[in-house]
PDB file of all heavy atoms in Angstrom:
ATOM      1  N   ASP A   1      91.527  74.205 100.260  1.00  0.00           N
ATOM      2  CA  ASP A   1      92.832  74.627  99.842  1.00  0.00           C
ATOM      3  C   ASP A   1      93.053  76.077  99.561  1.00  0.00           C
ATOM      4  O   ASP A   1      93.935  76.678  99.962  1.00  0.00           O
ATOM      5  CB  ASP A   1      93.307  73.735  98.713  1.00  0.00           C
ATOM      6  CG  ASP A   1      94.767  73.874  98.343  1.00  0.00           C
ATOM      7  OD1 ASP A   1      95.698  73.803  99.161  1.00  0.00           O
ATOM      8  OD2 ASP A   1      95.019  74.190  97.237  1.00  0.00           O
ATOM      9  N   GLN A   2      92.019  76.707  98.706  1.00  0.00           N
ATOM     10  CA  GLN A   2      92.065  77.995  98.389  1.00  0.00           C
ATOM     11  C   GLN A   2      91.950  78.914  99.549  1.00  0.00           C
ATOM     12  O   GLN A   2      92.635  79.810  99.687  1.00  0.00           O
ATOM     13  CB  GLN A   2      90.982  78.232  97.310  1.00  0.00           C
ATOM     14  CG  GLN A   2      90.951  79.659  96.655  1.00  0.00           C
ATOM     15  CD  GLN A   2      89.959  79.831  95.671  1.00  0.00           C
ATOM     16  OE1 GLN A   2      89.090  78.892  95.458  1.00  0.00           O
ATOM     17  NE2 GLN A   2      89.900  81.050  95.137  1.00  0.00           N
ATOM     18  N   THR A   3      91.102  78.625 100.423  1.00  0.00           N
ATOM     19  CA  THR A   3      90.855  79.426 101.697  1.00  0.00           C
ATOM     20  C   THR A   3      92.139  79.307 102.469  1.00  0.00           C
ATOM     21  O   THR A   3      92.550  80.386 102.974  1.00  0.00           O
ATOM     22  CB  THR A   3      89.684  78.857 102.425  1.00  0.00           C
ATOM     23  OG1 THR A   3      88.490  78.936 101.500  1.00  0.00           O
ATOM     24  CG2 THR A   3      89.487  79.685 103.605  1.00  0.00           C
ATOM     25  N   LEU A   4      92.749  78.177 102.808  1.00  0.00           N
ATOM     26  CA  LEU A   4      93.983  78.144 103.462  1.00  0.00           C
ATOM     27  C   LEU A   4      95.057  78.822 102.764  1.00  0.00           C
ATOM     28  O   LEU A   4      95.918  79.429 103.461  1.00  0.00           O
ATOM     29  CB  LEU A   4      94.361  76.612 103.641  1.00  0.00           C
ATOM     30  CG  LEU A   4      93.435  75.867 104.579  1.00  0.00           C
ATOM     31  CD1 LEU A   4      93.830  74.440 104.677  1.00  0.00           C
ATOM     32  CD2 LEU A   4      93.374  76.492 105.975  1.00  0.00           C
ATOM     33  N   ALA A   5      95.170  78.906 101.383  1.00  0.00           N
ATOM     34  CA  ALA A   5      96.122  79.599 100.738  1.00  0.00           C
ATOM     35  C   ALA A   5      96.046  81.097 101.129  1.00  0.00           C
ATOM     36  O   ALA A   5      97.095  81.768 101.132  1.00  0.00           O
ATOM     37  CB  ALA A   5      96.074  79.347  99.261  1.00  0.00           C
ATOM     38  N   ILE A   6      94.812  81.589 101.030  1.00  0.00           N
ATOM     39  CA  ILE A   6      94.544  82.976 101.246  1.00  0.00           C
ATOM     40  C   ILE A   6      95.162  83.340 102.714  1.00  0.00           C
ATOM     41  O   ILE A   6      95.837  84.343 102.965  1.00  0.00           O
ATOM     42  CB  ILE A   6      93.124  83.423 100.991  1.00  0.00           C
ATOM     43  CG1 ILE A   6      92.800  83.306  99.583  1.00  0.00           C
ATOM     44  CG2 ILE A   6      92.851  84.786 101.591  1.00  0.00           C
ATOM     45  CD1 ILE A   6      91.394  83.351  99.281  1.00  0.00           C
ATOM     46  N   TYR A   7      94.567  82.506 103.721  1.00  0.00           N
ATOM     47  CA  TYR A   7      95.001  82.797 105.115  1.00  0.00           C
ATOM     48  C   TYR A   7      96.624  82.724 105.258  1.00  0.00           C
ATOM     49  O   TYR A   7      97.161  83.422 105.877  1.00  0.00           O
ATOM     50  CB  TYR A   7      94.364  81.764 105.978  1.00  0.00           C
ATOM     51  CG  TYR A   7      92.931  82.210 106.288  1.00  0.00           C
ATOM     52  CD1 TYR A   7      91.838  81.445 105.929  1.00  0.00           C
ATOM     53  CD2 TYR A   7      92.634  83.388 107.119  1.00  0.00           C
ATOM     54  CE1 TYR A   7      90.610  81.698 106.246  1.00  0.00           C
ATOM     55  CE2 TYR A   7      91.409  83.720 107.387  1.00  0.00           C
ATOM     56  CZ  TYR A   7      90.341  82.942 106.977  1.00  0.00           C
ATOM     57  OH  TYR A   7      88.998  83.320 107.293  1.00  0.00           O
ATOM     58  N   GLN A   8      97.163  81.744 104.520  1.00  0.00           N
ATOM     59  CA  GLN A   8      98.559  81.614 104.746  1.00  0.00           C
ATOM     60  C   GLN A   8      99.175  82.864 104.163  1.00  0.00           C
ATOM     61  O   GLN A   8     100.231  83.372 104.723  1.00  0.00           O
ATOM     62  CB  GLN A   8      99.025  80.329 104.002  1.00  0.00           C
ATOM     63  CG  GLN A   8     100.473  79.954 104.175  1.00  0.00           C
ATOM     64  CD  GLN A   8     100.941  78.700 103.469  1.00  0.00           C
ATOM     65  OE1 GLN A   8     100.159  78.189 102.618  1.00  0.00           O
ATOM     66  NE2 GLN A   8     102.043  78.260 103.734  1.00  0.00           N
ATOM     67  N   GLN A   9      98.819  83.352 103.132  1.00  0.00           N
ATOM     68  CA  GLN A   9      99.425  84.621 102.507  1.00  0.00           C
ATOM     69  C   GLN A   9      99.174  85.721 103.362  1.00  0.00           C
ATOM     70  O   GLN A   9     100.098  86.496 103.542  1.00  0.00           O
ATOM     71  CB  GLN A   9      98.750  84.785 101.086  1.00  0.00           C
ATOM     72  CG  GLN A   9      99.580  85.640 100.123  1.00  0.00           C
ATOM     73  CD  GLN A   9      98.916  85.637  98.799  1.00  0.00           C
ATOM     74  OE1 GLN A   9      97.910  85.084  98.468  1.00  0.00           O
ATOM     75  NE2 GLN A   9      99.678  86.246  97.867  1.00  0.00           N
ATOM     76  N   ILE A  10      98.125  85.926 104.015  1.00  0.00           N
ATOM     77  CA  ILE A  10      97.789  86.953 104.875  1.00  0.00           C
ATOM     78  C   ILE A  10      98.730  86.887 106.172  1.00  0.00           C
ATOM     79  O   ILE A  10      99.298  87.645 106.565  1.00  0.00           O
ATOM     80  CB  ILE A  10      96.327  87.017 105.411  1.00  0.00           C
ATOM     81  CG1 ILE A  10      95.425  87.408 104.247  1.00  0.00           C
ATOM     82  CG2 ILE A  10      96.159  87.970 106.507  1.00  0.00           C
ATOM     83  CD1 ILE A  10      93.926  87.141 104.406  1.00  0.00           C
ATOM     84  N   LEU A  11      98.825  85.645 106.682  1.00  0.00           N
ATOM     85  CA  LEU A  11      99.580  85.467 107.911  1.00  0.00           C
ATOM     86  C   LEU A  11     101.113  85.662 107.701  1.00  0.00           C
ATOM     87  O   LEU A  11     101.887  86.195 108.541  1.00  0.00           O
ATOM     88  CB  LEU A  11      99.312  84.175 108.519  1.00  0.00           C
ATOM     89  CG  LEU A  11      97.891  83.815 109.013  1.00  0.00           C
ATOM     90  CD1 LEU A  11      97.809  82.607 109.687  1.00  0.00           C
ATOM     91  CD2 LEU A  11      97.508  84.844 109.973  1.00  0.00           C
ATOM     92  N   THR A  12     101.553  85.266 106.550  1.00  0.00           N
ATOM     93  CA  THR A  12     102.960  85.459 106.204  1.00  0.00           C
ATOM     94  C   THR A  12     103.283  86.931 106.025  1.00  0.00           C
ATOM     95  O   THR A  12     104.539  87.326 106.143  1.00  0.00           O
ATOM     96  CB  THR A  12     103.483  84.627 105.054  1.00  0.00           C
ATOM     97  OG1 THR A  12     102.676  84.965 103.904  1.00  0.00           O
ATOM     98  CG2 THR A  12     103.470  83.187 105.266  1.00  0.00           C
ATOM     99  N   SER A  13     102.417  87.813 105.672  1.00  0.00           N
ATOM    100  CA  SER A  13     102.655  89.185 105.586  1.00  0.00           C
ATOM    101  C   SER A  13     102.498  90.037 106.812  1.00  0.00           C
ATOM    102  O   SER A  13     102.887  91.205 106.914  1.00  0.00           O
ATOM    103  CB  SER A  13     101.648  89.742 104.537  1.00  0.00           C
ATOM    104  OG  SER A  13     100.321  89.710 104.984  1.00  0.00           O
ATOM    105  N   LEU A  14     102.078  89.296 107.835  1.00  0.00           N
ATOM    106  CA  LEU A  14     102.086  89.971 109.192  1.00  0.00           C
ATOM    107  C   LEU A  14     103.371  89.792 109.874  1.00  0.00           C
ATOM    108  O   LEU A  14     104.000  88.800 109.895  1.00  0.00           O
ATOM    109  CB  LEU A  14     100.986  89.382 110.104  1.00  0.00           C
ATOM    110  CG  LEU A  14      99.549  89.453 109.572  1.00  0.00           C
ATOM    111  CD1 LEU A  14      98.563  88.571 110.462  1.00  0.00           C
ATOM    112  CD2 LEU A  14      99.127  90.849 109.620  1.00  0.00           C
ATOM    113  N   PRO A  15     103.827  90.933 110.655  1.00  0.00           N
ATOM    114  CA  PRO A  15     105.071  90.952 111.198  1.00  0.00           C
ATOM    115  C   PRO A  15     105.131  90.202 112.625  1.00  0.00           C
ATOM    116  O   PRO A  15     106.128  90.079 113.209  1.00  0.00           O
ATOM    117  CB  PRO A  15     105.549  92.425 111.390  1.00  0.00           C
ATOM    118  CG  PRO A  15     104.188  93.073 111.392  1.00  0.00           C
ATOM    119  CD  PRO A  15     103.275  92.307 110.491  1.00  0.00           C
ATOM    120  N   SER A  16     103.905  89.762 113.090  1.00  0.00           N
ATOM    121  CA  SER A  16     103.771  89.368 114.437  1.00  0.00           C
ATOM    122  C   SER A  16     104.482  87.780 114.427  1.00  0.00           C
ATOM    123  O   SER A  16     104.269  87.112 113.527  1.00  0.00           O
ATOM    124  CB  SER A  16     102.343  89.218 114.656  1.00  0.00           C
ATOM    125  OG  SER A  16     102.090  88.414 115.974  1.00  0.00           O
ATOM    126  N   ARG A  17     105.055  87.598 115.481  1.00  0.00           N
ATOM    127  CA  ARG A  17     105.812  86.304 115.658  1.00  0.00           C
ATOM    128  C   ARG A  17     104.667  85.201 116.214  1.00  0.00           C
ATOM    129  O   ARG A  17     104.913  84.085 116.208  1.00  0.00           O
ATOM    130  CB  ARG A  17     106.855  86.397 116.832  1.00  0.00           C
ATOM    131  CG  ARG A  17     107.969  87.034 116.296  1.00  0.00           C
ATOM    132  CD  ARG A  17     109.198  87.009 117.262  1.00  0.00           C
ATOM    133  NE  ARG A  17     108.654  87.432 118.663  1.00  0.00           N
ATOM    134  CZ  ARG A  17     109.571  87.724 119.645  1.00  0.00           C
ATOM    135  NH1 ARG A  17     110.860  87.554 119.533  1.00  0.00           N
ATOM    136  NH2 ARG A  17     109.041  87.947 120.821  1.00  0.00           N
ATOM    137  N   ASN A  18     103.564  85.770 116.618  1.00  0.00           N
ATOM    138  CA  ASN A  18     102.440  84.794 116.969  1.00  0.00           C
ATOM    139  C   ASN A  18     101.995  83.847 115.832  1.00  0.00           C
ATOM    140  O   ASN A  18     101.574  82.803 116.147  1.00  0.00           O
ATOM    141  CB  ASN A  18     101.228  85.661 117.485  1.00  0.00           C
ATOM    142  CG  ASN A  18     101.470  86.387 118.769  1.00  0.00           C
ATOM    143  OD1 ASN A  18     102.322  85.860 119.561  1.00  0.00           O
ATOM    144  ND2 ASN A  18     100.743  87.463 118.956  1.00  0.00           N
ATOM    145  N   VAL A  19     102.018  84.248 114.644  1.00  0.00           N
ATOM    146  CA  VAL A  19     101.369  83.616 113.495  1.00  0.00           C
ATOM    147  C   VAL A  19     102.403  82.719 112.663  1.00  0.00           C
ATOM    148  O   VAL A  19     101.950  82.034 111.738  1.00  0.00           O
ATOM    149  CB  VAL A  19     100.774  84.595 112.631  1.00  0.00           C
ATOM    150  CG1 VAL A  19      99.623  85.294 113.252  1.00  0.00           C
ATOM    151  CG2 VAL A  19     101.564  85.609 112.022  1.00  0.00           C
ATOM    152  N   ILE A  20     103.793  82.815 113.011  1.00  0.00           N
ATOM    153  CA  ILE A  20     104.827  82.068 112.139  1.00  0.00           C
ATOM    154  C   ILE A  20     104.411  80.584 112.221  1.00  0.00           C
ATOM    155  O   ILE A  20     104.294  79.854 111.235  1.00  0.00           O
ATOM    156  CB  ILE A  20     106.114  82.420 112.735  1.00  0.00           C
ATOM    157  CG1 ILE A  20     106.486  83.780 112.457  1.00  0.00           C
ATOM    158  CG2 ILE A  20     107.122  81.394 111.978  1.00  0.00           C
ATOM    159  CD1 ILE A  20     107.707  84.240 113.135  1.00  0.00           C
ATOM    160  N   GLN A  21     104.180  79.984 113.446  1.00  0.00           N
ATOM    161  CA  GLN A  21     103.878  78.512 113.505  1.00  0.00           C
ATOM    162  C   GLN A  21     102.597  78.298 112.861  1.00  0.00           C
ATOM    163  O   GLN A  21     102.415  77.197 112.238  1.00  0.00           O
ATOM    164  CB  GLN A  21     103.968  78.192 115.000  1.00  0.00           C
ATOM    165  CG  GLN A  21     103.749  76.551 115.175  1.00  0.00           C
ATOM    166  CD  GLN A  21     104.860  75.753 114.367  1.00  0.00           C
ATOM    167  OE1 GLN A  21     106.040  76.189 114.481  1.00  0.00           O
ATOM    168  NE2 GLN A  21     104.366  74.818 113.517  1.00  0.00           N
ATOM    169  N   ILE A  22     101.654  79.100 113.068  1.00  0.00           N
ATOM    170  CA  ILE A  22     100.224  78.850 112.442  1.00  0.00           C
ATOM    171  C   ILE A  22     100.345  78.788 110.882  1.00  0.00           C
ATOM    172  O   ILE A  22      99.758  77.937 110.359  1.00  0.00           O
ATOM    173  CB  ILE A  22      99.220  79.899 112.904  1.00  0.00           C
ATOM    174  CG1 ILE A  22      99.043  79.688 114.383  1.00  0.00           C
ATOM    175  CG2 ILE A  22      97.911  79.808 112.135  1.00  0.00           C
ATOM    176  CD1 ILE A  22      98.195  80.760 114.930  1.00  0.00           C
ATOM    177  N   SER A  23     101.189  79.745 110.365  1.00  0.00           N
ATOM    178  CA  SER A  23     101.355  79.866 108.988  1.00  0.00           C
ATOM    179  C   SER A  23     102.131  78.481 108.502  1.00  0.00           C
ATOM    180  O   SER A  23     101.725  77.814 107.445  1.00  0.00           O
ATOM    181  CB  SER A  23     102.269  80.952 108.536  1.00  0.00           C
ATOM    182  OG  SER A  23     102.509  80.974 107.212  1.00  0.00           O
ATOM    183  N   ASN A  24     103.031  77.991 109.172  1.00  0.00           N
ATOM    184  CA  ASN A  24     103.797  76.692 108.828  1.00  0.00           C
ATOM    185  C   ASN A  24     102.805  75.469 108.949  1.00  0.00           C
ATOM    186  O   ASN A  24     102.836  74.643 108.096  1.00  0.00           O
ATOM    187  CB  ASN A  24     104.925  76.449 109.764  1.00  0.00           C
ATOM    188  CG  ASN A  24     106.004  77.495 109.549  1.00  0.00           C
ATOM    189  OD1 ASN A  24     106.124  78.022 108.452  1.00  0.00           O
ATOM    190  ND2 ASN A  24     106.810  77.669 110.560  1.00  0.00           N
ATOM    191  N   ASP A  25     101.901  75.621 109.992  1.00  0.00           N
ATOM    192  CA  ASP A  25     100.830  74.538 110.096  1.00  0.00           C
ATOM    193  C   ASP A  25      99.916  74.511 108.919  1.00  0.00           C
ATOM    194  O   ASP A  25      99.462  73.519 108.466  1.00  0.00           O
ATOM    195  CB  ASP A  25     100.079  74.720 111.379  1.00  0.00           C
ATOM    196  CG  ASP A  25     100.952  74.283 112.646  1.00  0.00           C
ATOM    197  OD1 ASP A  25     101.867  73.599 112.499  1.00  0.00           O
ATOM    198  OD2 ASP A  25     100.503  74.805 113.726  1.00  0.00           O
ATOM    199  N   LEU A  26      99.627  75.756 108.440  1.00  0.00           N
ATOM    200  CA  LEU A  26      98.693  75.878 107.271  1.00  0.00           C
ATOM    201  C   LEU A  26      99.313  75.193 105.956  1.00  0.00           C
ATOM    202  O   LEU A  26      98.566  74.581 105.219  1.00  0.00           O
ATOM    203  CB  LEU A  26      98.300  77.265 106.989  1.00  0.00           C
ATOM    204  CG  LEU A  26      97.404  77.861 108.046  1.00  0.00           C
ATOM    205  CD1 LEU A  26      97.150  79.348 107.660  1.00  0.00           C
ATOM    206  CD2 LEU A  26      96.137  77.204 108.230  1.00  0.00           C
ATOM    207  N   GLU A  27     100.535  75.340 105.918  1.00  0.00           N
ATOM    208  CA  GLU A  27     101.280  74.662 104.713  1.00  0.00           C
ATOM    209  C   GLU A  27     101.279  73.256 104.879  1.00  0.00           C
ATOM    210  O   GLU A  27     100.952  72.505 103.955  1.00  0.00           O
ATOM    211  CB  GLU A  27     102.808  75.071 104.827  1.00  0.00           C
ATOM    212  CG  GLU A  27     103.746  74.514 103.736  1.00  0.00           C
ATOM    213  CD  GLU A  27     103.795  75.261 102.504  1.00  0.00           C
ATOM    214  OE1 GLU A  27     103.428  76.466 102.511  1.00  0.00           O
ATOM    215  OE2 GLU A  27     104.077  74.661 101.555  1.00  0.00           O
TER     216      GLU A  27
END
Protein backbone atom coordinates (compact mmCIF):
# COMPACT_ATOMS: atom_id res chain seq x y z
CA ASP A 1 0.00 0.00 0.00
CA GLN A 2 2.80 2.41 0.89
CA THR A 3 4.64 1.67 -2.36
CA LEU A 4 1.48 2.17 -4.42
CA ALA A 5 0.77 5.46 -2.61
CA ILE A 6 4.19 6.75 -3.61
CA TYR A 7 3.71 5.72 -7.24
CA GLN A 8 0.24 7.22 -7.30
CA GLN A 9 1.61 10.50 -5.97
CA ILE A 10 4.38 10.53 -8.58
CA LEU A 11 2.02 9.70 -11.46
CA THR A 12 -0.54 12.33 -10.50
CA SER A 13 2.20 14.96 -10.56
CA LEU A 14 3.15 14.07 -14.15
CA PRO A 15 1.42 16.08 -16.90
CA SER A 16 1.31 13.10 -19.27
CA ARG A 17 -2.09 11.77 -20.27
CA ASN A 18 -0.58 8.29 -20.50
CA VAL A 19 -0.61 7.87 -16.74
CA ILE A 20 -4.06 9.15 -15.75
CA GLN A 21 -5.81 5.77 -16.03
CA ILE A 22 -2.89 3.98 -14.40
CA SER A 23 -3.09 6.39 -11.46
CA ASN A 24 -6.83 5.71 -11.14
CA ASP A 25 -6.15 1.97 -11.29
CA LEU A 26 -3.62 2.34 -8.48
CA GLU A 27 -6.30 3.98 -6.33
